Amino acid sequence: MAASLNRAAFFASARKLVFGGALTQGQVSGMEAILDACPPDLDSDALAYCLATSLHETARTMLPIKEYGGSAYYTKMYDIAGSRPAVAKALGNTVPGDGAKFAGRGYVQLTGRANYRRATGELQNRGYLTRSQDLTQTPDSAMVPDIAAAIMFIGMQEGWFTGRKLSDYFGPTKSIPVGARAIINGTDKASIIAGYFRGFQTALLAAGHLPGGVVATVPVPPVSGAPMVPPASPGPLVQPAPRNSGVLPAPKPLPEPVYDVKPSWGSRLASWLMRPWFG
């Protein structure tokens, strides 16, 4: 996270402005993970919008979760054997069973085989996954907080999901929270999420959030010791049709993975995102 943020003040303010006066331990833990993973140069408005998006996409749990619905729903919505085969093909779900296997997960509900494949390549190239780790083989790994946060922050900054990115809507001279919904899912619930954004924005500013500082808390995700190689630019990830985000269940806890190499994750994220070529 950026060096300047009084977390106690942030949580106190967010509790009142966003969460109706009460926070669960899960919500606190989820926001801690997001703040830990935040690129140090991400401005306050962009961070506030990422928090607002997470609040909506995780049904207010602030934890990486799996999309509500169940196998029959996933098959109907996203499977080649379901009622929307064209959508399934666009998502890369060409094998029966892909709809359920690659349902939405994480902080931003990553959906579809093609999107899990893209996220795998991007995270491998940046060192967040080893070359042997593949989200298409273990899609529940997209709900591991470190991985889910990397998908959210890098994906929203680079425009993986729809081609729209955070810098299109937030910067020194602009702040367009309603329009920013296009980064993830068109105009679906755009005004509601913009309301969450305003609460988080106020909480961050009240807590003295200042981007560009030194990373203070560094999580350690599964990483490879191989050099990071800039990925190609394959274009935006395909976006499923708007769905009813409704009430999503929190996932069962995932077992803690064990890996051989654990270099500093936060510093990798910071150095990667601050490279001059990054768009």
C-alpha atoms as a PDB file:
ATOM      1  CA  MET A   1       0.000   0.000   0.000  1.00  0.00           C
ATOM      2  CA  ALA A   2       1.047   3.643  -0.207  1.00  0.00           C
ATOM      3  CA  ALA A   3       3.121   4.817   2.745  1.00  0.00           C
ATOM      4  CA  SER A   4       0.555   7.301   4.008  1.00  0.00           C
ATOM      5  CA  LEU A   5      -2.682   5.703   5.174  1.00  0.00           C
ATOM      6  CA  ASN A   6      -4.000   5.544   8.706  1.00  0.00           C
ATOM      7  CA  ARG A   7      -5.834   2.237   8.504  1.00  0.00           C
ATOM      8  CA  ALA A   8      -7.636   2.664  11.804  1.00  0.00           C
ATOM      9  CA  ALA A   9      -9.027   5.978  10.581  1.00  0.00           C
ATOM     10  CA  PHE A  10      -9.893   4.454   7.210  1.00  0.00           C
ATOM     11  CA  PHE A  11     -11.854   1.578   8.732  1.00  0.00           C
ATOM     12  CA  ALA A  12     -13.626   3.889  11.167  1.00  0.00           C
ATOM     13  CA  SER A  13     -14.740   6.138   8.328  1.00  0.00           C
ATOM     14  CA  ALA A  14     -15.631   3.319   5.920  1.00  0.00           C
ATOM     15  CA  ARG A  15     -17.656   1.625   8.660  1.00  0.00           C
ATOM     16  CA  LYS A  16     -19.935   4.657   8.843  1.00  0.00           C
ATOM     17  CA  LEU A  17     -19.971   5.752   5.214  1.00  0.00           C
ATOM     18  CA  VAL A  18     -20.101   2.422   3.370  1.00  0.00           C
ATOM     19  CA  PHE A  19     -21.027  -0.388   5.759  1.00  0.00           C
ATOM     20  CA  GLY A  20     -23.897   1.085   7.748  1.00  0.00           C
ATOM     21  CA  GLY A  21     -22.032   1.340  11.036  1.00  0.00           C
ATOM     22  CA  ALA A  22     -20.752  -2.239  11.360  1.00  0.00           C
ATOM     23  CA  LEU A  23     -17.897  -4.246   9.864  1.00  0.00           C
ATOM     24  CA  THR A  24     -17.425  -8.017   9.981  1.00  0.00           C
ATOM     25  CA  GLN A  25     -13.987  -9.524  10.495  1.00  0.00           C
ATOM     26  CA  GLY A  26     -14.192 -10.911   6.966  1.00  0.00           C
ATOM     27  CA  GLN A  27     -14.781  -7.453   5.536  1.00  0.00           C
ATOM     28  CA  VAL A  28     -11.829  -6.068   7.466  1.00  0.00           C
ATOM     29  CA  SER A  29      -9.571  -8.948   6.394  1.00  0.00           C
ATOM     30  CA  GLY A  30     -10.648  -8.568   2.780  1.00  0.00           C
ATOM     31  CA  MET A  31      -9.927  -4.850   2.734  1.00  0.00           C
ATOM     32  CA  GLU A  32      -6.569  -5.423   4.441  1.00  0.00           C
ATOM     33  CA  ALA A  33      -5.626  -7.818   1.635  1.00  0.00           C
ATOM     34  CA  ILE A  34      -6.668  -5.286  -1.010  1.00  0.00           C
ATOM     35  CA  LEU A  35      -4.767  -2.445   0.660  1.00  0.00           C
ATOM     36  CA  ASP A  36      -1.678  -4.648   1.026  1.00  0.00           C
ATOM     37  CA  ALA A  37      -1.792  -5.474  -2.690  1.00  0.00           C
ATOM     38  CA  CYS A  38      -2.507  -1.945  -3.916  1.00  0.00           C
ATOM     39  CA  PRO A  39       0.150  -0.542  -6.277  1.00  0.00           C
ATOM     40  CA  PRO A  40       1.906   2.286  -4.386  1.00  0.00           C
ATOM     41  CA  ASP A  41       1.350   4.810  -7.188  1.00  0.00           C
ATOM     42  CA  LEU A  42      -2.391   4.174  -7.607  1.00  0.00           C
ATOM     43  CA  ASP A  43      -4.248   7.402  -6.896  1.00  0.00           C
ATOM     44  CA  SER A  44      -6.938   7.672  -4.239  1.00  0.00           C
ATOM     45  CA  ASP A  45      -9.890   7.820  -6.623  1.00  0.00           C
ATOM     46  CA  ALA A  46      -8.753   4.746  -8.569  1.00  0.00           C
ATOM     47  CA  LEU A  47      -8.221   2.804  -5.334  1.00  0.00           C
ATOM     48  CA  ALA A  48     -11.634   3.929  -4.079  1.00  0.00           C
ATOM     49  CA  TYR A  49     -13.211   2.626  -7.282  1.00  0.00           C
ATOM     50  CA  CYS A  50     -11.440  -0.732  -6.972  1.00  0.00           C
ATOM     51  CA  LEU A  51     -12.752  -1.038  -3.404  1.00  0.00           C
ATOM     52  CA  ALA A  52     -16.251  -0.084  -4.584  1.00  0.00           C
ATOM     53  CA  THR A  53     -16.111  -2.656  -7.377  1.00  0.00           C
ATOM     54  CA  SER A  54     -15.014  -5.326  -4.906  1.00  0.00           C
ATOM     55  CA  LEU A  55     -17.863  -4.434  -2.558  1.00  0.00           C
ATOM     56  CA  HIS A  56     -20.380  -4.958  -5.344  1.00  0.00           C
ATOM     57  CA  GLU A  57     -18.847  -7.995  -7.032  1.00  0.00           C
ATOM     58  CA  THR A  58     -18.335  -9.875  -3.747  1.00  0.00           C
ATOM     59  CA  ALA A  59     -21.847  -9.163  -2.398  1.00  0.00           C
ATOM     60  CA  ARG A  60     -20.392  -6.887   0.300  1.00  0.00           C
ATOM     61  CA  THR A  61     -18.148  -9.615   1.754  1.00  0.00           C
ATOM     62  CA  MET A  62     -14.940  -7.932   0.488  1.00  0.00           C
ATOM     63  CA  LEU A  63     -13.594 -11.474   0.015  1.00  0.00           C
ATOM     64  CA  PRO A  64     -12.801 -13.207  -3.306  1.00  0.00           C
ATOM     65  CA  ILE A  65     -15.829 -15.406  -3.979  1.00  0.00           C
ATOM     66  CA  LYS A  66     -17.471 -17.559  -6.618  1.00  0.00           C
ATOM     67  CA  GLU A  67     -20.438 -16.298  -8.589  1.00  0.00           C
ATOM     68  CA  TYR A  68     -23.838 -17.179  -7.167  1.00  0.00           C
ATOM     69  CA  GLY A  69     -25.866 -19.710  -9.103  1.00  0.00           C
ATOM     70  CA  GLY A  70     -24.808 -23.337  -9.066  1.00  0.00           C
ATOM     71  CA  SER A  71     -24.014 -25.795 -11.850  1.00  0.00           C
ATOM     72  CA  ALA A  72     -27.363 -25.572 -13.665  1.00  0.00           C
ATOM     73  CA  TYR A  73     -27.160 -21.782 -13.798  1.00  0.00           C
ATOM     74  CA  TYR A  74     -23.534 -21.747 -14.949  1.00  0.00           C
ATOM     75  CA  THR A  75     -24.366 -24.267 -17.680  1.00  0.00           C
ATOM     76  CA  LYS A  76     -27.334 -22.240 -18.885  1.00  0.00           C
ATOM     77  CA  MET A  77     -25.437 -18.952 -18.934  1.00  0.00           C
ATOM     78  CA  TYR A  78     -21.906 -19.873 -20.010  1.00  0.00           C
ATOM     79  CA  ASP A  79     -21.741 -23.431 -21.399  1.00  0.00           C
ATOM     80  CA  ILE A  80     -21.622 -24.520 -25.022  1.00  0.00           C
ATOM     81  CA  ALA A  81     -24.427 -26.938 -24.138  1.00  0.00           C
ATOM     82  CA  GLY A  82     -26.478 -24.198 -22.473  1.00  0.00           C
ATOM     83  CA  SER A  83     -28.998 -21.687 -23.780  1.00  0.00           C
ATOM     84  CA  ARG A  84     -26.381 -19.149 -24.967  1.00  0.00           C
ATOM     85  CA  PRO A  85     -23.816 -21.032 -27.084  1.00  0.00           C
ATOM     86  CA  ALA A  86     -22.630 -17.830 -28.785  1.00  0.00           C
ATOM     87  CA  VAL A  87     -21.755 -16.306 -25.414  1.00  0.00           C
ATOM     88  CA  ALA A  88     -20.033 -19.546 -24.416  1.00  0.00           C
ATOM     89  CA  LYS A  89     -17.885 -19.475 -27.559  1.00  0.00           C
ATOM     90  CA  ALA A  90     -16.988 -15.828 -26.991  1.00  0.00           C
ATOM     91  CA  LEU A  91     -15.812 -16.753 -23.495  1.00  0.00           C
ATOM     92  CA  GLY A  92     -13.719 -19.619 -24.858  1.00  0.00           C
ATOM     93  CA  ASN A  93     -16.023 -22.205 -23.269  1.00  0.00           C
ATOM     94  CA  THR A  94     -15.957 -24.748 -26.090  1.00  0.00           C
ATOM     95  CA  VAL A  95     -15.996 -27.975 -24.067  1.00  0.00           C
ATOM     96  CA  PRO A  96     -19.171 -29.135 -22.296  1.00  0.00           C
ATOM     97  CA  GLY A  97     -18.669 -28.431 -18.600  1.00  0.00           C
ATOM     98  CA  ASP A  98     -16.632 -25.267 -19.156  1.00  0.00           C
ATOM     99  CA  GLY A  99     -19.562 -23.096 -18.075  1.00  0.00           C
ATOM    100  CA  ALA A 100     -19.481 -24.455 -14.544  1.00  0.00           C
ATOM    101  CA  LYS A 101     -15.704 -24.845 -14.402  1.00  0.00           C
ATOM    102  CA  PHE A 102     -15.017 -21.246 -15.426  1.00  0.00           C
ATOM    103  CA  ALA A 103     -17.828 -19.399 -13.659  1.00  0.00           C
ATOM    104  CA  GLY A 104     -17.083 -15.999 -12.129  1.00  0.00           C
ATOM    105  CA  ARG A 105     -14.503 -15.884  -9.316  1.00  0.00           C
ATOM    106  CA  GLY A 106     -12.427 -13.411  -7.361  1.00  0.00           C
ATOM    107  CA  TYR A 107     -12.810  -9.714  -6.599  1.00  0.00           C
ATOM    108  CA  VAL A 108     -14.041  -8.914 -10.135  1.00  0.00           C
ATOM    109  CA  GLN A 109     -15.705 -12.211 -11.130  1.00  0.00           C
ATOM    110  CA  LEU A 110     -13.279 -13.483 -13.772  1.00  0.00           C
ATOM    111  CA  THR A 111     -15.424 -15.584 -16.151  1.00  0.00           C
ATOM    112  CA  GLY A 112     -14.726 -17.969 -19.065  1.00  0.00           C
ATOM    113  CA  ARG A 113     -11.888 -20.284 -20.105  1.00  0.00           C
ATOM    114  CA  ALA A 114     -10.351 -17.625 -22.380  1.00  0.00           C
ATOM    115  CA  ASN A 115     -10.194 -15.148 -19.526  1.00  0.00           C
ATOM    116  CA  TYR A 116      -8.673 -17.653 -17.087  1.00  0.00           C
ATOM    117  CA  ARG A 117      -6.096 -18.510 -19.760  1.00  0.00           C
ATOM    118  CA  ARG A 118      -5.293 -14.821 -20.333  1.00  0.00           C
ATOM    119  CA  ALA A 119      -4.979 -14.149 -16.598  1.00  0.00           C
ATOM    120  CA  THR A 120      -2.680 -17.167 -16.231  1.00  0.00           C
ATOM    121  CA  GLY A 121      -0.301 -15.889 -18.895  1.00  0.00           C
ATOM    122  CA  GLU A 122      -0.287 -12.349 -17.559  1.00  0.00           C
ATOM    123  CA  LEU A 123       0.412 -13.452 -13.976  1.00  0.00           C
ATOM    124  CA  GLN A 124       3.060 -15.975 -15.021  1.00  0.00           C
ATOM    125  CA  ASN A 125       4.883 -13.297 -17.023  1.00  0.00           C
ATOM    126  CA  ARG A 126       4.885 -11.019 -13.987  1.00  0.00           C
ATOM    127  CA  GLY A 127       5.988 -13.708 -11.541  1.00  0.00           C
ATOM    128  CA  TYR A 128       2.766 -14.067  -9.533  1.00  0.00           C
ATOM    129  CA  LEU A 129       2.355 -17.657 -10.761  1.00  0.00           C
ATOM    130  CA  THR A 130       5.021 -20.210 -11.572  1.00  0.00           C
ATOM    131  CA  ARG A 131       5.127 -21.634 -15.086  1.00  0.00           C
ATOM    132  CA  SER A 132       3.565 -24.828 -13.761  1.00  0.00           C
ATOM    133  CA  GLN A 133       0.601 -23.035 -12.189  1.00  0.00           C
ATOM    134  CA  ASP A 134      -2.410 -22.625 -14.454  1.00  0.00           C
ATOM    135  CA  LEU A 135      -5.765 -21.086 -13.541  1.00  0.00           C
ATOM    136  CA  THR A 136      -7.433 -23.134 -16.279  1.00  0.00           C
ATOM    137  CA  GLN A 137      -6.388 -26.263 -14.371  1.00  0.00           C
ATOM    138  CA  THR A 138      -7.156 -24.940 -10.878  1.00  0.00           C
ATOM    139  CA  PRO A 139      -9.730 -22.158 -11.385  1.00  0.00           C
ATOM    140  CA  ASP A 140     -10.463 -21.878  -7.653  1.00  0.00           C
ATOM    141  CA  SER A 141      -6.981 -20.356  -7.335  1.00  0.00           C
ATOM    142  CA  ALA A 142      -8.559 -17.158  -8.685  1.00  0.00           C
ATOM    143  CA  MET A 143     -10.128 -16.848  -5.213  1.00  0.00           C
ATOM    144  CA  VAL A 144      -6.776 -16.831  -3.387  1.00  0.00           C
ATOM    145  CA  PRO A 145      -6.617 -13.197  -2.147  1.00  0.00           C
ATOM    146  CA  ASP A 146      -3.146 -12.428  -3.542  1.00  0.00           C
ATOM    147  CA  ILE A 147      -4.048 -13.769  -6.975  1.00  0.00           C
ATOM    148  CA  ALA A 148      -7.517 -12.204  -6.966  1.00  0.00           C
ATOM    149  CA  ALA A 149      -6.019  -8.825  -6.055  1.00  0.00           C
ATOM    150  CA  ALA A 150      -3.417  -9.029  -8.826  1.00  0.00           C
ATOM    151  CA  ILE A 151      -6.151  -9.846 -11.349  1.00  0.00           C
ATOM    152  CA  MET A 152      -8.233  -6.901 -10.136  1.00  0.00           C
ATOM    153  CA  PHE A 153      -5.536  -4.228  -9.966  1.00  0.00           C
ATOM    154  CA  ILE A 154      -3.559  -5.155 -13.088  1.00  0.00           C
ATOM    155  CA  GLY A 155      -6.673  -6.052 -15.065  1.00  0.00           C
ATOM    156  CA  MET A 156      -8.449  -2.781 -14.250  1.00  0.00           C
ATOM    157  CA  GLN A 157      -5.316  -0.730 -14.929  1.00  0.00           C
ATOM    158  CA  GLU A 158      -4.560  -2.417 -18.254  1.00  0.00           C
ATOM    159  CA  GLY A 159      -8.109  -2.867 -19.537  1.00  0.00           C
ATOM    160  CA  TRP A 160      -8.159  -6.676 -19.638  1.00  0.00           C
ATOM    161  CA  PHE A 161     -11.905  -7.042 -19.257  1.00  0.00           C
ATOM    162  CA  THR A 162     -13.546  -4.675 -21.746  1.00  0.00           C
ATOM    163  CA  GLY A 163     -10.684  -2.590 -23.102  1.00  0.00           C
ATOM    164  CA  ARG A 164     -11.550   0.271 -20.716  1.00  0.00           C
ATOM    165  CA  LYS A 165      -9.084   1.046 -17.938  1.00  0.00           C
ATOM    166  CA  LEU A 166      -8.854   3.065 -14.722  1.00  0.00           C
ATOM    167  CA  SER A 167      -6.882   5.848 -16.394  1.00  0.00           C
ATOM    168  CA  ASP A 168      -9.796   6.441 -18.772  1.00  0.00           C
ATOM    169  CA  TYR A 169     -11.890   7.636 -15.834  1.00  0.00           C
ATOM    170  CA  PHE A 170      -9.565   8.747 -13.034  1.00  0.00           C
ATOM    171  CA  GLY A 171      -6.607  11.105 -12.999  1.00  0.00           C
ATOM    172  CA  PRO A 172      -5.405  14.539 -11.866  1.00  0.00           C
ATOM    173  CA  THR A 173      -8.141  16.340 -13.817  1.00  0.00           C
ATOM    174  CA  LYS A 174     -10.941  13.779 -13.962  1.00  0.00           C
ATOM    175  CA  SER A 175     -13.042  11.504 -11.795  1.00  0.00           C
ATOM    176  CA  ILE A 176     -15.907   9.697 -13.553  1.00  0.00           C
ATOM    177  CA  PRO A 177     -17.117   6.926 -11.225  1.00  0.00           C
ATOM    178  CA  VAL A 178     -20.424   6.252 -13.004  1.00  0.00           C
ATOM    179  CA  GLY A 179     -18.741   5.803 -16.371  1.00  0.00           C
ATOM    180  CA  ALA A 180     -15.982   3.680 -14.843  1.00  0.00           C
ATOM    181  CA  ARG A 181     -18.355   0.729 -14.556  1.00  0.00           C
ATOM    182  CA  ALA A 182     -17.513   0.102 -18.222  1.00  0.00           C
ATOM    183  CA  ILE A 183     -14.147  -1.249 -17.028  1.00  0.00           C
ATOM    184  CA  ILE A 184     -15.933  -4.362 -15.759  1.00  0.00           C
ATOM    185  CA  ASN A 185     -19.528  -4.655 -16.977  1.00  0.00           C
ATOM    186  CA  GLY A 186     -21.047  -1.914 -19.116  1.00  0.00           C
ATOM    187  CA  THR A 187     -23.522   0.175 -17.141  1.00  0.00           C
ATOM    188  CA  ASP A 188     -24.758  -2.584 -14.815  1.00  0.00           C
ATOM    189  CA  LYS A 189     -25.389  -1.068 -11.338  1.00  0.00           C
ATOM    190  CA  ALA A 190     -23.131   1.859 -12.299  1.00  0.00           C
ATOM    191  CA  SER A 191     -24.834   4.447 -10.081  1.00  0.00           C
ATOM    192  CA  ILE A 192     -24.920   2.145  -7.060  1.00  0.00           C
ATOM    193  CA  ILE A 193     -21.205   1.400  -7.357  1.00  0.00           C
ATOM    194  CA  ALA A 194     -20.486   5.109  -7.805  1.00  0.00           C
ATOM    195  CA  GLY A 195     -22.190   5.671  -4.458  1.00  0.00           C
ATOM    196  CA  TYR A 196     -19.889   3.120  -2.827  1.00  0.00           C
ATOM    197  CA  PHE A 197     -16.957   4.876  -4.512  1.00  0.00           C
ATOM    198  CA  ARG A 198     -17.828   8.192  -2.887  1.00  0.00           C
ATOM    199  CA  GLY A 199     -17.880   6.587   0.546  1.00  0.00           C
ATOM    200  CA  PHE A 200     -14.506   4.915   0.041  1.00  0.00           C
ATOM    201  CA  GLN A 201     -13.085   8.091  -1.494  1.00  0.00           C
ATOM    202  CA  THR A 202     -14.042  10.109   1.580  1.00  0.00           C
ATOM    203  CA  ALA A 203     -12.685   7.408   3.908  1.00  0.00           C
ATOM    204  CA  LEU A 204      -9.330   7.261   2.113  1.00  0.00           C
ATOM    205  CA  LEU A 205      -8.894  11.027   2.128  1.00  0.00           C
ATOM    206  CA  ALA A 206      -9.927  11.277   5.783  1.00  0.00           C
ATOM    207  CA  ALA A 207      -7.275   8.664   6.583  1.00  0.00           C
ATOM    208  CA  GLY A 208      -4.555  10.595   4.769  1.00  0.00           C
ATOM    209  CA  HIS A 209      -4.116   8.298   1.779  1.00  0.00           C
ATOM    210  CA  LEU A 210      -1.157   9.491  -0.280  1.00  0.00           C
ATOM    211  CA  PRO A 211       0.011   7.476  -3.295  1.00  0.00           C
ATOM    212  CA  GLY A 212       3.611   7.188  -4.359  1.00  0.00           C
ATOM    213  CA  GLY A 213       5.007   6.074  -1.029  1.00  0.00           C
ATOM    214  CA  VAL A 214       7.017   3.126   0.125  1.00  0.00           C
ATOM    215  CA  VAL A 215       5.383  -0.261   0.398  1.00  0.00           C
ATOM    216  CA  ALA A 216       4.763  -0.850   4.099  1.00  0.00           C
ATOM    217  CA  THR A 217       3.145  -4.280   4.131  1.00  0.00           C
ATOM    218  CA  VAL A 218       4.163  -6.931   1.620  1.00  0.00           C
ATOM    219  CA  PRO A 219       2.152 -10.145   1.119  1.00  0.00           C
ATOM    220  CA  VAL A 220       3.976 -13.156  -0.288  1.00  0.00           C
ATOM    221  CA  PRO A 221       2.086 -14.922  -3.087  1.00  0.00           C
ATOM    222  CA  PRO A 222       3.200 -17.928  -5.118  1.00  0.00           C
ATOM    223  CA  VAL A 223       5.891 -16.616  -7.437  1.00  0.00           C
ATOM    224  CA  SER A 224       8.566 -17.823  -9.769  1.00  0.00           C
ATOM    225  CA  GLY A 225      12.183 -16.784  -9.566  1.00  0.00           C
ATOM    226  CA  ALA A 226      12.282 -16.411 -13.347  1.00  0.00           C
ATOM    227  CA  PRO A 227      12.735 -12.899 -14.774  1.00  0.00           C
ATOM    228  CA  MET A 228       9.509 -11.081 -15.556  1.00  0.00           C
ATOM    229  CA  VAL A 229       8.874 -10.705 -19.295  1.00  0.00           C
ATOM    230  CA  PRO A 230       6.438  -8.086 -20.625  1.00  0.00           C
ATOM    231  CA  PRO A 231       3.461  -9.929 -22.145  1.00  0.00           C
ATOM    232  CA  ALA A 232       2.064  -9.344 -25.604  1.00  0.00           C
ATOM    233  CA  SER A 233      -1.069  -7.213 -25.921  1.00  0.00           C
ATOM    234  CA  PRO A 234      -3.755  -9.675 -27.053  1.00  0.00           C
ATOM    235  CA  GLY A 235      -6.595  -7.172 -26.644  1.00  0.00           C
ATOM    236  CA  PRO A 236      -9.359  -6.973 -24.085  1.00  0.00           C
ATOM    237  CA  LEU A 237     -10.796  -9.989 -22.386  1.00  0.00           C
ATOM    238  CA  VAL A 238     -14.249 -10.968 -23.567  1.00  0.00           C
ATOM    239  CA  GLN A 239     -17.072  -9.830 -21.315  1.00  0.00           C
ATOM    240  CA  PRO A 240     -20.116 -11.985 -20.507  1.00  0.00           C
ATOM    241  CA  ALA A 241     -23.581 -10.497 -20.758  1.00  0.00           C
ATOM    242  CA  PRO A 242     -24.700  -8.611 -17.621  1.00  0.00           C
ATOM    243  CA  ARG A 243     -25.862 -10.925 -14.908  1.00  0.00           C
ATOM    244  CA  ASN A 244     -27.733 -10.457 -11.687  1.00  0.00           C
ATOM    245  CA  SER A 245     -24.976 -10.047  -9.140  1.00  0.00           C
ATOM    246  CA  GLY A 246     -27.573 -10.637  -6.439  1.00  0.00           C
ATOM    247  CA  VAL A 247     -26.364 -12.264  -3.267  1.00  0.00           C
ATOM    248  CA  LEU A 248     -23.194 -14.250  -3.715  1.00  0.00           C
ATOM    249  CA  PRO A 249     -22.054 -16.849  -1.188  1.00  0.00           C
ATOM    250  CA  ALA A 250     -18.623 -16.632   0.394  1.00  0.00           C
ATOM    251  CA  PRO A 251     -16.351 -19.482  -0.761  1.00  0.00           C
ATOM    252  CA  LYS A 252     -15.118 -22.292   1.393  1.00  0.00           C
ATOM    253  CA  PRO A 253     -11.594 -21.508   2.658  1.00  0.00           C
ATOM    254  CA  LEU A 254      -8.918 -22.688   0.262  1.00  0.00           C
ATOM    255  CA  PRO A 255      -5.971 -24.692   1.602  1.00  0.00           C
ATOM    256  CA  GLU A 256      -2.808 -22.674   2.072  1.00  0.00           C
ATOM    257  CA  PRO A 257      -0.519 -23.425  -0.918  1.00  0.00           C
ATOM    258  CA  VAL A 258       3.141 -24.261  -0.372  1.00  0.00           C
ATOM    259  CA  TYR A 259       5.715 -22.979  -2.821  1.00  0.00           C
ATOM    260  CA  ASP A 260       9.468 -23.130  -3.041  1.00  0.00           C
ATOM    261  CA  VAL A 261      10.185 -19.471  -3.780  1.00  0.00           C
ATOM    262  CA  LYS A 262       8.701 -16.486  -1.981  1.00  0.00           C
ATOM    263  CA  PRO A 263      10.239 -13.215  -3.161  1.00  0.00           C
ATOM    264  CA  SER A 264       8.649  -9.879  -2.245  1.00  0.00           C
ATOM    265  CA  TRP A 265       5.242  -9.713  -4.006  1.00  0.00           C
ATOM    266  CA  GLY A 266       4.329  -6.141  -3.259  1.00  0.00           C
ATOM    267  CA  SER A 267       7.652  -4.834  -4.550  1.00  0.00           C
ATOM    268  CA  ARG A 268       7.236  -6.862  -7.775  1.00  0.00           C
ATOM    269  CA  LEU A 269       3.796  -5.331  -8.300  1.00  0.00           C
ATOM    270  CA  ALA A 270       5.099  -1.836  -7.541  1.00  0.00           C
ATOM    271  CA  SER A 271       8.130  -2.069  -9.822  1.00  0.00           C
ATOM    272  CA  TRP A 272       6.138  -3.632 -12.665  1.00  0.00           C
ATOM    273  CA  LEU A 273       3.343  -1.092 -12.637  1.00  0.00           C
ATOM    274  CA  MET A 274       5.749   1.856 -12.401  1.00  0.00           C
ATOM    275  CA  ARG A 275       7.741   0.805 -15.527  1.00  0.00           C
ATOM    276  CA  PRO A 276       7.773   3.617 -18.156  1.00  0.00           C
ATOM    277  CA  TRP A 277       6.161   1.418 -20.833  1.00  0.00           C
ATOM    278  CA  PHE A 278       3.129   0.541 -18.702  1.00  0.00           C
ATOM    279  CA  GLY A 279      -0.078   1.950 -20.238  1.00  0.00           C
END
